[in-house]
Amino acid sequence: MSHRERIRDWLRTHPVATVFLALAAVPTTLAVFSFRQPIPLPDAILSELEMLFWLLVYAPVSGLRSFLFEPFGLDVLFSIPGLEQTLIVVTLLGFYYGLSHALVRGVRLIHRQYDASR
């Protein structure tokens, strides 16, 4: 079995991880890129990425921050410089993992109901 076939087989047997990798790749890259720009981008490209960043990174993180961290007074952790970036990435990955899990379960449920109705 080749390396490529093993990867394909693993992706087929782990659908949540596959969906998670597909969903989290772009937002995580945008978040990390916003912390440090290894390659300076022109302002025109940055302005185009701003809306995408807002939808895929800022909205989920701020939503989870206000829902999970603020009620317990843990939102103060976001004001610590090194910890802030780590919390943003961890919160973002947690959001997309939960979304991946929900999507896979939803699709499985729809398939079961469709098969049962046949």
N, C-alpha and C. Protein backbone atom coordinates (compact mmCIF):
# COMPACT_ATOMS: atom_id res chain seq x y z
N MET A 1 0.85 -1.17 0.00
CA MET A 1 0.00 0.00 0.00
C MET A 1 0.90 1.24 0.00
N SER A 2 0.65 2.13 -0.92
CA SER A 2 1.47 3.33 -1.03
C SER A 2 1.09 4.35 0.04
N HIS A 3 1.93 5.33 0.18
CA HIS A 3 1.69 6.39 1.17
C HIS A 3 0.41 7.15 0.85
N ARG A 4 0.19 7.41 -0.40
CA ARG A 4 -1.01 8.14 -0.83
C ARG A 4 -2.28 7.34 -0.54
N GLU A 5 -2.22 6.02 -0.76
CA GLU A 5 -3.38 5.18 -0.49
C GLU A 5 -3.67 5.11 1.01
N ARG A 6 -2.63 5.08 1.83
CA ARG A 6 -2.83 5.08 3.28
C ARG A 6 -3.49 6.37 3.75
N ILE A 7 -3.07 7.49 3.18
CA ILE A 7 -3.68 8.77 3.53
C ILE A 7 -5.15 8.79 3.11
N ARG A 8 -5.43 8.35 1.90
CA ARG A 8 -6.81 8.30 1.43
C ARG A 8 -7.68 7.40 2.30
N ASP A 9 -7.12 6.25 2.69
CA ASP A 9 -7.85 5.32 3.55
C ASP A 9 -8.11 5.94 4.91
N TRP A 10 -7.12 6.64 5.48
CA TRP A 10 -7.30 7.28 6.77
C TRP A 10 -8.37 8.37 6.69
N LEU A 11 -8.35 9.16 5.62
CA LEU A 11 -9.34 10.23 5.46
C LEU A 11 -10.75 9.66 5.34
N ARG A 12 -10.89 8.50 4.66
CA ARG A 12 -12.20 7.88 4.54
C ARG A 12 -12.70 7.35 5.87
N THR A 13 -11.81 6.85 6.71
CA THR A 13 -12.24 6.26 7.98
C THR A 13 -12.37 7.29 9.09
N HIS A 14 -11.91 8.52 8.89
CA HIS A 14 -12.00 9.58 9.88
C HIS A 14 -12.68 10.82 9.26
N PRO A 15 -14.00 10.75 9.06
CA PRO A 15 -14.67 11.86 8.37
C PRO A 15 -14.65 13.18 9.15
N VAL A 16 -14.71 13.13 10.48
CA VAL A 16 -14.70 14.37 11.25
C VAL A 16 -13.36 15.08 11.07
N ALA A 17 -12.28 14.32 11.12
CA ALA A 17 -10.96 14.92 10.93
C ALA A 17 -10.80 15.47 9.52
N THR A 18 -11.35 14.78 8.55
CA THR A 18 -11.27 15.24 7.16
C THR A 18 -12.00 16.56 6.98
N VAL A 19 -13.22 16.65 7.50
CA VAL A 19 -14.00 17.88 7.39
C VAL A 19 -13.32 18.99 8.18
N PHE A 20 -12.79 18.65 9.36
CA PHE A 20 -12.08 19.64 10.17
C PHE A 20 -10.89 20.22 9.42
N LEU A 21 -10.09 19.36 8.80
CA LEU A 21 -8.94 19.85 8.04
C LEU A 21 -9.37 20.76 6.91
N ALA A 22 -10.47 20.40 6.25
CA ALA A 22 -10.94 21.21 5.13
C ALA A 22 -11.50 22.56 5.62
N LEU A 23 -12.23 22.54 6.73
CA LEU A 23 -12.84 23.78 7.23
C LEU A 23 -11.84 24.71 7.92
N ALA A 24 -10.92 24.16 8.67
CA ALA A 24 -10.05 24.98 9.51
C ALA A 24 -8.80 25.49 8.80
N ALA A 25 -8.50 25.00 7.64
CA ALA A 25 -7.25 25.38 6.97
C ALA A 25 -7.19 26.88 6.67
N VAL A 26 -8.19 27.40 6.02
CA VAL A 26 -8.17 28.82 5.63
C VAL A 26 -8.28 29.75 6.83
N PRO A 27 -9.24 29.55 7.75
CA PRO A 27 -9.32 30.46 8.89
C PRO A 27 -8.07 30.45 9.77
N THR A 28 -7.49 29.29 9.99
CA THR A 28 -6.29 29.22 10.81
C THR A 28 -5.14 29.93 10.14
N THR A 29 -5.01 29.76 8.85
CA THR A 29 -3.96 30.45 8.10
C THR A 29 -4.17 31.96 8.17
N LEU A 30 -5.41 32.40 8.02
CA LEU A 30 -5.69 33.84 8.12
C LEU A 30 -5.37 34.38 9.51
N ALA A 31 -5.72 33.62 10.55
CA ALA A 31 -5.46 34.07 11.91
C ALA A 31 -3.96 34.17 12.18
N VAL A 32 -3.23 33.14 11.82
CA VAL A 32 -1.78 33.15 12.05
C VAL A 32 -1.12 34.23 11.20
N PHE A 33 -1.58 34.38 9.99
CA PHE A 33 -1.02 35.40 9.10
C PHE A 33 -1.30 36.81 9.63
N SER A 34 -2.41 36.99 10.34
CA SER A 34 -2.72 38.31 10.89
C SER A 34 -1.80 38.66 12.06
N PHE A 35 -1.26 37.65 12.74
CA PHE A 35 -0.33 37.91 13.84
C PHE A 35 1.01 38.40 13.32
N ARG A 36 1.50 37.72 12.30
CA ARG A 36 2.79 38.08 11.70
C ARG A 36 2.68 37.88 10.20
N GLN A 37 3.12 38.86 9.47
CA GLN A 37 3.10 38.75 8.02
C GLN A 37 4.51 38.41 7.53
N PRO A 38 4.74 37.15 7.23
CA PRO A 38 6.08 36.78 6.75
C PRO A 38 6.37 37.38 5.38
N ILE A 39 5.33 37.57 4.60
CA ILE A 39 5.46 38.16 3.28
C ILE A 39 4.57 39.40 3.26
N PRO A 40 5.13 40.59 3.09
CA PRO A 40 4.28 41.78 3.05
C PRO A 40 3.36 41.75 1.82
N LEU A 41 2.09 41.95 2.06
CA LEU A 41 1.10 41.95 0.98
C LEU A 41 0.70 43.37 0.64
N PRO A 42 0.35 43.60 -0.62
CA PRO A 42 -0.14 44.92 -1.01
C PRO A 42 -1.47 45.24 -0.31
N ASP A 43 -1.73 46.49 -0.14
CA ASP A 43 -2.95 46.93 0.55
C ASP A 43 -4.21 46.45 -0.14
N ALA A 44 -4.18 46.32 -1.46
CA ALA A 44 -5.37 45.86 -2.19
C ALA A 44 -5.73 44.43 -1.79
N ILE A 45 -4.74 43.59 -1.65
CA ILE A 45 -5.00 42.20 -1.24
C ILE A 45 -5.45 42.14 0.21
N LEU A 46 -4.83 42.93 1.06
CA LEU A 46 -5.22 42.96 2.47
C LEU A 46 -6.65 43.42 2.65
N SER A 47 -7.08 44.38 1.87
CA SER A 47 -8.47 44.84 1.99
C SER A 47 -9.46 43.77 1.53
N GLU A 48 -9.06 42.97 0.55
CA GLU A 48 -9.92 41.88 0.09
C GLU A 48 -10.00 40.76 1.13
N LEU A 49 -8.91 40.52 1.83
CA LEU A 49 -8.88 39.47 2.85
C LEU A 49 -9.57 39.89 4.15
N GLU A 50 -9.80 41.19 4.30
CA GLU A 50 -10.37 41.69 5.54
C GLU A 50 -11.77 41.14 5.80
N MET A 51 -12.62 41.11 4.79
CA MET A 51 -13.98 40.58 4.95
C MET A 51 -13.95 39.09 5.24
N LEU A 52 -13.09 38.37 4.54
CA LEU A 52 -12.94 36.94 4.77
C LEU A 52 -12.45 36.68 6.20
N PHE A 53 -11.50 37.47 6.66
CA PHE A 53 -10.99 37.37 8.03
C PHE A 53 -12.11 37.63 9.03
N TRP A 54 -12.90 38.64 8.77
CA TRP A 54 -13.98 38.98 9.69
C TRP A 54 -14.98 37.83 9.80
N LEU A 55 -15.35 37.25 8.67
CA LEU A 55 -16.34 36.17 8.68
C LEU A 55 -15.81 34.86 9.27
N LEU A 56 -14.59 34.48 8.91
CA LEU A 56 -14.06 33.16 9.27
C LEU A 56 -13.27 33.13 10.56
N VAL A 57 -12.74 34.27 11.00
CA VAL A 57 -11.91 34.29 12.20
C VAL A 57 -12.55 35.15 13.30
N TYR A 58 -12.78 36.40 13.01
CA TYR A 58 -13.23 37.33 14.05
C TYR A 58 -14.62 36.96 14.60
N ALA A 59 -15.57 36.69 13.72
CA ALA A 59 -16.93 36.40 14.18
C ALA A 59 -16.99 35.15 15.06
N PRO A 60 -16.41 34.01 14.65
CA PRO A 60 -16.46 32.84 15.55
C PRO A 60 -15.73 33.05 16.88
N VAL A 61 -14.56 33.68 16.83
CA VAL A 61 -13.79 33.88 18.06
C VAL A 61 -14.50 34.85 18.99
N SER A 62 -15.00 35.95 18.48
CA SER A 62 -15.68 36.91 19.36
C SER A 62 -16.99 36.33 19.88
N GLY A 63 -17.68 35.54 19.07
CA GLY A 63 -18.90 34.89 19.54
C GLY A 63 -18.64 33.91 20.66
N LEU A 64 -17.64 33.06 20.48
CA LEU A 64 -17.31 32.11 21.53
C LEU A 64 -16.73 32.80 22.76
N ARG A 65 -16.00 33.87 22.53
CA ARG A 65 -15.43 34.62 23.65
C ARG A 65 -16.55 35.20 24.51
N SER A 66 -17.56 35.78 23.88
CA SER A 66 -18.65 36.37 24.66
C SER A 66 -19.55 35.30 25.27
N PHE A 67 -19.60 34.12 24.66
CA PHE A 67 -20.47 33.05 25.14
C PHE A 67 -19.78 32.18 26.20
N LEU A 68 -18.50 31.89 26.02
CA LEU A 68 -17.81 30.98 26.93
C LEU A 68 -16.89 31.66 27.94
N PHE A 69 -16.18 32.69 27.53
CA PHE A 69 -15.17 33.28 28.39
C PHE A 69 -15.71 34.40 29.29
N GLU A 70 -16.53 35.29 28.74
CA GLU A 70 -17.02 36.44 29.52
C GLU A 70 -17.88 36.06 30.72
N PRO A 71 -18.79 35.09 30.61
CA PRO A 71 -19.60 34.76 31.78
C PRO A 71 -18.78 34.30 33.00
N PHE A 72 -17.62 33.74 32.75
CA PHE A 72 -16.77 33.25 33.84
C PHE A 72 -15.66 34.22 34.20
N GLY A 73 -15.63 35.36 33.53
CA GLY A 73 -14.60 36.35 33.80
C GLY A 73 -13.25 36.00 33.21
N LEU A 74 -13.23 35.05 32.30
CA LEU A 74 -11.97 34.60 31.70
C LEU A 74 -11.57 35.42 30.47
N ASP A 75 -12.41 36.37 30.08
CA ASP A 75 -12.07 37.19 28.92
C ASP A 75 -10.86 38.06 29.18
N VAL A 76 -10.48 38.21 30.45
CA VAL A 76 -9.27 38.97 30.79
C VAL A 76 -8.02 38.27 30.25
N LEU A 77 -8.11 36.97 30.02
CA LEU A 77 -6.96 36.23 29.47
C LEU A 77 -6.60 36.72 28.06
N PHE A 78 -7.58 37.27 27.36
CA PHE A 78 -7.33 37.77 26.01
C PHE A 78 -6.51 39.06 26.02
N SER A 79 -6.32 39.66 27.17
CA SER A 79 -5.53 40.90 27.23
C SER A 79 -4.05 40.62 27.49
N ILE A 80 -3.68 39.38 27.76
CA ILE A 80 -2.28 39.01 27.96
C ILE A 80 -1.66 38.79 26.59
N PRO A 81 -0.62 39.56 26.21
CA PRO A 81 -0.10 39.54 24.84
C PRO A 81 0.23 38.17 24.24
N GLY A 82 1.02 37.35 24.85
CA GLY A 82 1.36 36.06 24.25
C GLY A 82 0.22 35.07 24.30
N LEU A 83 -0.56 35.13 25.37
CA LEU A 83 -1.67 34.21 25.56
C LEU A 83 -2.84 34.54 24.65
N GLU A 84 -2.98 35.79 24.30
CA GLU A 84 -4.10 36.22 23.44
C GLU A 84 -4.08 35.47 22.10
N GLN A 85 -2.93 35.43 21.46
CA GLN A 85 -2.83 34.76 20.17
C GLN A 85 -3.08 33.27 20.29
N THR A 86 -2.58 32.67 21.34
CA THR A 86 -2.81 31.24 21.57
C THR A 86 -4.28 30.96 21.79
N LEU A 87 -4.94 31.77 22.59
CA LEU A 87 -6.37 31.58 22.84
C LEU A 87 -7.20 31.77 21.58
N ILE A 88 -6.81 32.71 20.76
CA ILE A 88 -7.54 32.93 19.51
C ILE A 88 -7.45 31.69 18.62
N VAL A 89 -6.25 31.14 18.47
CA VAL A 89 -6.08 29.96 17.61
C VAL A 89 -6.79 28.74 18.21
N VAL A 90 -6.67 28.55 19.52
CA VAL A 90 -7.32 27.40 20.16
C VAL A 90 -8.84 27.53 20.08
N THR A 91 -9.36 28.71 20.32
CA THR A 91 -10.80 28.93 20.22
C THR A 91 -11.29 28.71 18.80
N LEU A 92 -10.53 29.19 17.85
CA LEU A 92 -10.88 29.01 16.43
C LEU A 92 -10.88 27.54 16.05
N LEU A 93 -9.85 26.82 16.45
CA LEU A 93 -9.79 25.38 16.14
C LEU A 93 -10.90 24.62 16.83
N GLY A 94 -11.22 24.99 18.05
CA GLY A 94 -12.33 24.35 18.76
C GLY A 94 -13.66 24.59 18.07
N PHE A 95 -13.86 25.81 17.61
CA PHE A 95 -15.09 26.13 16.89
C PHE A 95 -15.22 25.29 15.63
N TYR A 96 -14.17 25.23 14.83
CA TYR A 96 -14.24 24.48 13.58
C TYR A 96 -14.28 22.98 13.81
N TYR A 97 -13.71 22.48 14.92
CA TYR A 97 -13.85 21.06 15.23
C TYR A 97 -15.30 20.75 15.60
N GLY A 98 -15.90 21.60 16.42
CA GLY A 98 -17.30 21.39 16.77
C GLY A 98 -18.22 21.47 15.55
N LEU A 99 -17.94 22.41 14.67
CA LEU A 99 -18.72 22.53 13.44
C LEU A 99 -18.54 21.29 12.56
N SER A 100 -17.33 20.78 12.47
CA SER A 100 -17.07 19.57 11.69
C SER A 100 -17.82 18.38 12.26
N HIS A 101 -17.78 18.26 13.57
CA HIS A 101 -18.49 17.16 14.23
C HIS A 101 -19.99 17.25 13.96
N ALA A 102 -20.55 18.45 14.08
CA ALA A 102 -21.98 18.66 13.85
C ALA A 102 -22.35 18.37 12.40
N LEU A 103 -21.52 18.79 11.47
CA LEU A 103 -21.81 18.53 10.05
C LEU A 103 -21.80 17.04 9.73
N VAL A 104 -20.80 16.32 10.23
CA VAL A 104 -20.72 14.88 9.96
C VAL A 104 -21.90 14.15 10.59
N ARG A 105 -22.25 14.49 11.82
CA ARG A 105 -23.40 13.86 12.46
C ARG A 105 -24.70 14.19 11.72
N GLY A 106 -24.84 15.44 11.27
CA GLY A 106 -26.03 15.83 10.53
C GLY A 106 -26.17 15.08 9.22
N VAL A 107 -25.08 14.94 8.51
CA VAL A 107 -25.12 14.21 7.23
C VAL A 107 -25.43 12.74 7.48
N ARG A 108 -24.85 12.16 8.52
CA ARG A 108 -25.15 10.75 8.84
C ARG A 108 -26.63 10.58 9.18
N LEU A 109 -27.18 11.51 9.93
CA LEU A 109 -28.59 11.44 10.30
C LEU A 109 -29.48 11.54 9.06
N ILE A 110 -29.15 12.44 8.16
CA ILE A 110 -29.92 12.60 6.93
C ILE A 110 -29.83 11.33 6.09
N HIS A 111 -28.63 10.74 5.99
CA HIS A 111 -28.48 9.49 5.23
C HIS A 111 -29.32 8.36 5.85
N ARG A 112 -29.32 8.25 7.18
CA ARG A 112 -30.10 7.20 7.84
C ARG A 112 -31.59 7.40 7.59
N GLN A 113 -32.06 8.65 7.67
CA GLN A 113 -33.48 8.89 7.44
C GLN A 113 -33.86 8.65 5.99
N TYR A 114 -32.95 8.99 5.09
CA TYR A 114 -33.21 8.75 3.66
C TYR A 114 -33.26 7.26 3.37
N ASP A 115 -32.31 6.49 3.95
CA ASP A 115 -32.29 5.05 3.74
C ASP A 115 -33.49 4.38 4.37
N ALA A 116 -33.94 4.88 5.51
CA ALA A 116 -35.11 4.30 6.18
C ALA A 116 -36.40 4.58 5.41
N SER A 117 -36.45 5.67 4.68
CA SER A 117 -37.67 6.02 3.95
C SER A 117 -37.79 5.28 2.62
N ARG A 118 -36.75 4.61 2.21
CA ARG A 118 -36.79 3.89 0.92
C ARG A 118 -37.55 2.64 1.02
